[in-house]
Amino acid sequence: SEGWRLGWQADDVALLTGLYVLAARANQLGMTQPCVVTDMSGERHTLTFQEFEALMLAYGAARAAASAGGDA
């Protein structure tokens, strides 16, 4: 997840959140399908659920920090 960027717009957040909810449910059901995320440059990244979850935690923290600083 280093060296690539995710979108900050509301539709980006909605898509990533929706993907996370579905991936979390699949993980609960024992499904091991990869999560595919496309970055801002159009490159696709295939992640395990654990990698995607860590990415989403970092994404949420970055958005919160930017929001607190007025950059979101």
N, C-alpha and C. Protein backbone atom coordinates (compact mmCIF):
# COMPACT_ATOMS: atom_id res chain seq x y z
N SER A 1 0.81 -1.20 0.00
CA SER A 1 0.00 0.00 0.00
C SER A 1 0.85 1.26 0.00
N GLU A 2 2.18 1.13 0.02
CA GLU A 2 3.03 2.31 0.00
C GLU A 2 3.23 2.77 -1.42
N GLY A 3 3.22 4.11 -1.59
CA GLY A 3 3.51 4.66 -2.89
C GLY A 3 2.31 4.83 -3.80
N TRP A 4 1.12 4.53 -3.34
CA TRP A 4 -0.07 4.77 -4.14
C TRP A 4 -1.14 5.45 -3.32
N ARG A 5 -2.07 6.13 -4.02
CA ARG A 5 -3.04 6.98 -3.34
C ARG A 5 -4.47 6.55 -3.67
N LEU A 6 -5.33 6.75 -2.68
CA LEU A 6 -6.76 6.50 -2.85
C LEU A 6 -7.48 7.84 -2.87
N GLY A 7 -8.63 7.87 -3.56
CA GLY A 7 -9.41 9.10 -3.65
C GLY A 7 -10.00 9.52 -2.32
N TRP A 8 -10.25 10.83 -2.20
CA TRP A 8 -10.79 11.42 -0.97
C TRP A 8 -12.23 11.87 -1.12
N GLN A 9 -12.76 11.87 -2.34
CA GLN A 9 -14.11 12.39 -2.56
C GLN A 9 -15.15 11.47 -1.94
N ALA A 10 -16.35 12.01 -1.73
CA ALA A 10 -17.41 11.23 -1.07
C ALA A 10 -17.71 9.93 -1.80
N ASP A 11 -17.71 9.95 -3.14
CA ASP A 11 -17.99 8.71 -3.87
C ASP A 11 -16.87 7.69 -3.70
N ASP A 12 -15.63 8.15 -3.58
CA ASP A 12 -14.50 7.24 -3.32
C ASP A 12 -14.67 6.57 -1.96
N VAL A 13 -15.01 7.38 -0.96
CA VAL A 13 -15.21 6.87 0.40
C VAL A 13 -16.34 5.85 0.41
N ALA A 14 -17.44 6.17 -0.28
CA ALA A 14 -18.60 5.26 -0.32
C ALA A 14 -18.23 3.94 -0.98
N LEU A 15 -17.50 3.98 -2.08
CA LEU A 15 -17.10 2.74 -2.76
C LEU A 15 -16.18 1.90 -1.89
N LEU A 16 -15.19 2.54 -1.28
CA LEU A 16 -14.26 1.80 -0.42
C LEU A 16 -14.96 1.22 0.80
N THR A 17 -15.87 1.99 1.38
CA THR A 17 -16.62 1.51 2.54
C THR A 17 -17.50 0.33 2.16
N GLY A 18 -18.18 0.44 1.03
CA GLY A 18 -19.02 -0.67 0.56
C GLY A 18 -18.20 -1.93 0.31
N LEU A 19 -17.05 -1.76 -0.32
CA LEU A 19 -16.17 -2.90 -0.57
C LEU A 19 -15.72 -3.52 0.74
N TYR A 20 -15.41 -2.67 1.71
CA TYR A 20 -14.97 -3.18 3.01
C TYR A 20 -16.07 -3.98 3.70
N VAL A 21 -17.30 -3.47 3.68
CA VAL A 21 -18.42 -4.18 4.31
C VAL A 21 -18.61 -5.55 3.67
N LEU A 22 -18.58 -5.60 2.34
CA LEU A 22 -18.74 -6.88 1.65
C LEU A 22 -17.56 -7.82 1.92
N ALA A 23 -16.35 -7.28 1.92
CA ALA A 23 -15.17 -8.10 2.18
C ALA A 23 -15.19 -8.64 3.61
N ALA A 24 -15.62 -7.82 4.56
CA ALA A 24 -15.69 -8.26 5.95
C ALA A 24 -16.70 -9.40 6.09
N ARG A 25 -17.83 -9.27 5.43
CA ARG A 25 -18.85 -10.33 5.49
C ARG A 25 -18.33 -11.61 4.85
N ALA A 26 -17.68 -11.49 3.71
CA ALA A 26 -17.11 -12.67 3.05
C ALA A 26 -16.08 -13.33 3.96
N ASN A 27 -15.28 -12.54 4.62
CA ASN A 27 -14.28 -13.07 5.55
C ASN A 27 -14.96 -13.80 6.70
N GLN A 28 -16.05 -13.25 7.23
CA GLN A 28 -16.81 -13.91 8.31
C GLN A 28 -17.36 -15.26 7.85
N LEU A 29 -17.72 -15.34 6.58
CA LEU A 29 -18.27 -16.58 6.03
C LEU A 29 -17.18 -17.58 5.63
N GLY A 30 -15.92 -17.20 5.83
CA GLY A 30 -14.81 -18.09 5.50
C GLY A 30 -14.37 -18.03 4.06
N MET A 31 -14.86 -17.06 3.31
CA MET A 31 -14.47 -16.91 1.92
C MET A 31 -13.13 -16.18 1.87
N THR A 32 -12.25 -16.60 0.98
CA THR A 32 -10.91 -16.02 0.93
C THR A 32 -10.64 -15.30 -0.39
N GLN A 33 -11.67 -14.73 -0.97
CA GLN A 33 -11.48 -14.01 -2.23
C GLN A 33 -10.69 -12.73 -1.98
N PRO A 34 -9.79 -12.39 -2.90
CA PRO A 34 -9.00 -11.16 -2.72
C PRO A 34 -9.85 -9.91 -2.90
N CYS A 35 -9.39 -8.83 -2.32
CA CYS A 35 -10.01 -7.52 -2.48
C CYS A 35 -9.19 -6.78 -3.54
N VAL A 36 -9.85 -6.25 -4.53
CA VAL A 36 -9.16 -5.51 -5.59
C VAL A 36 -9.51 -4.04 -5.47
N VAL A 37 -8.50 -3.21 -5.28
CA VAL A 37 -8.68 -1.77 -5.11
C VAL A 37 -7.92 -1.08 -6.24
N THR A 38 -8.57 -0.11 -6.88
CA THR A 38 -7.92 0.68 -7.92
C THR A 38 -7.52 2.02 -7.35
N ASP A 39 -6.25 2.37 -7.51
CA ASP A 39 -5.76 3.63 -6.95
C ASP A 39 -6.07 4.80 -7.89
N MET A 40 -5.65 5.99 -7.49
CA MET A 40 -5.96 7.20 -8.25
C MET A 40 -5.30 7.24 -9.62
N SER A 41 -4.24 6.47 -9.84
CA SER A 41 -3.60 6.44 -11.15
C SER A 41 -4.16 5.33 -12.03
N GLY A 42 -5.16 4.60 -11.52
CA GLY A 42 -5.79 3.54 -12.30
C GLY A 42 -5.16 2.17 -12.13
N GLU A 43 -4.14 2.06 -11.30
CA GLU A 43 -3.49 0.77 -11.06
C GLU A 43 -4.31 -0.07 -10.09
N ARG A 44 -4.49 -1.34 -10.43
CA ARG A 44 -5.24 -2.26 -9.56
C ARG A 44 -4.30 -2.95 -8.60
N HIS A 45 -4.75 -3.06 -7.34
CA HIS A 45 -3.98 -3.71 -6.28
C HIS A 45 -4.83 -4.83 -5.70
N THR A 46 -4.29 -6.04 -5.67
CA THR A 46 -4.99 -7.19 -5.12
C THR A 46 -4.47 -7.43 -3.71
N LEU A 47 -5.39 -7.39 -2.74
CA LEU A 47 -5.04 -7.49 -1.33
C LEU A 47 -5.80 -8.62 -0.66
N THR A 48 -5.19 -9.21 0.36
CA THR A 48 -5.94 -10.12 1.22
C THR A 48 -6.88 -9.28 2.07
N PHE A 49 -7.84 -9.90 2.73
CA PHE A 49 -8.73 -9.13 3.59
C PHE A 49 -7.95 -8.44 4.69
N GLN A 50 -6.97 -9.13 5.27
CA GLN A 50 -6.18 -8.54 6.34
C GLN A 50 -5.42 -7.30 5.85
N GLU A 51 -4.85 -7.37 4.65
CA GLU A 51 -4.17 -6.21 4.07
C GLU A 51 -5.16 -5.07 3.81
N PHE A 52 -6.34 -5.43 3.29
CA PHE A 52 -7.35 -4.42 3.00
C PHE A 52 -7.85 -3.76 4.29
N GLU A 53 -8.03 -4.57 5.32
CA GLU A 53 -8.48 -4.02 6.60
C GLU A 53 -7.45 -3.03 7.16
N ALA A 54 -6.18 -3.39 7.09
CA ALA A 54 -5.12 -2.48 7.55
C ALA A 54 -5.10 -1.20 6.71
N LEU A 55 -5.29 -1.35 5.41
CA LEU A 55 -5.36 -0.19 4.52
C LEU A 55 -6.52 0.73 4.90
N MET A 56 -7.69 0.14 5.17
CA MET A 56 -8.86 0.94 5.52
C MET A 56 -8.68 1.64 6.86
N LEU A 57 -8.01 1.00 7.81
CA LEU A 57 -7.73 1.66 9.09
C LEU A 57 -6.80 2.86 8.88
N ALA A 58 -5.78 2.69 8.05
CA ALA A 58 -4.87 3.79 7.76
C ALA A 58 -5.58 4.89 6.97
N TYR A 59 -6.44 4.50 6.04
CA TYR A 59 -7.22 5.46 5.24
C TYR A 59 -8.14 6.28 6.14
N GLY A 60 -8.82 5.62 7.06
CA GLY A 60 -9.69 6.33 7.99
C GLY A 60 -8.92 7.28 8.87
N ALA A 61 -7.76 6.85 9.35
CA ALA A 61 -6.93 7.72 10.19
C ALA A 61 -6.43 8.92 9.40
N ALA A 62 -6.04 8.71 8.15
CA ALA A 62 -5.56 9.81 7.32
C ALA A 62 -6.68 10.80 7.02
N ARG A 63 -7.87 10.28 6.75
CA ARG A 63 -9.02 11.18 6.49
C ARG A 63 -9.36 11.97 7.74
N ALA A 64 -9.32 11.33 8.89
CA ALA A 64 -9.63 12.03 10.14
C ALA A 64 -8.60 13.12 10.41
N ALA A 65 -7.32 12.82 10.17
CA ALA A 65 -6.27 13.81 10.39
C ALA A 65 -6.42 14.98 9.42
N ALA A 66 -6.73 14.67 8.16
CA ALA A 66 -6.91 15.73 7.16
C ALA A 66 -8.12 16.59 7.50
N SER A 67 -9.17 15.94 7.97
CA SER A 67 -10.39 16.66 8.34
C SER A 67 -10.12 17.59 9.52
N ALA A 68 -9.36 17.12 10.48
CA ALA A 68 -9.02 17.94 11.64
C ALA A 68 -8.18 19.15 11.23
N GLY A 69 -7.39 18.95 10.16
CA GLY A 69 -6.56 20.04 9.67
C GLY A 69 -7.23 20.88 8.61
N GLY A 70 -8.45 20.48 8.21
CA GLY A 70 -9.19 21.23 7.22
C GLY A 70 -8.83 20.91 5.78
N ASP A 71 -8.10 19.81 5.55
CA ASP A 71 -7.66 19.47 4.19
C ASP A 71 -8.56 18.49 3.48
N ALA A 72 -9.57 17.95 4.13
CA ALA A 72 -10.40 16.92 3.51
C ALA A 72 -11.40 17.53 2.56
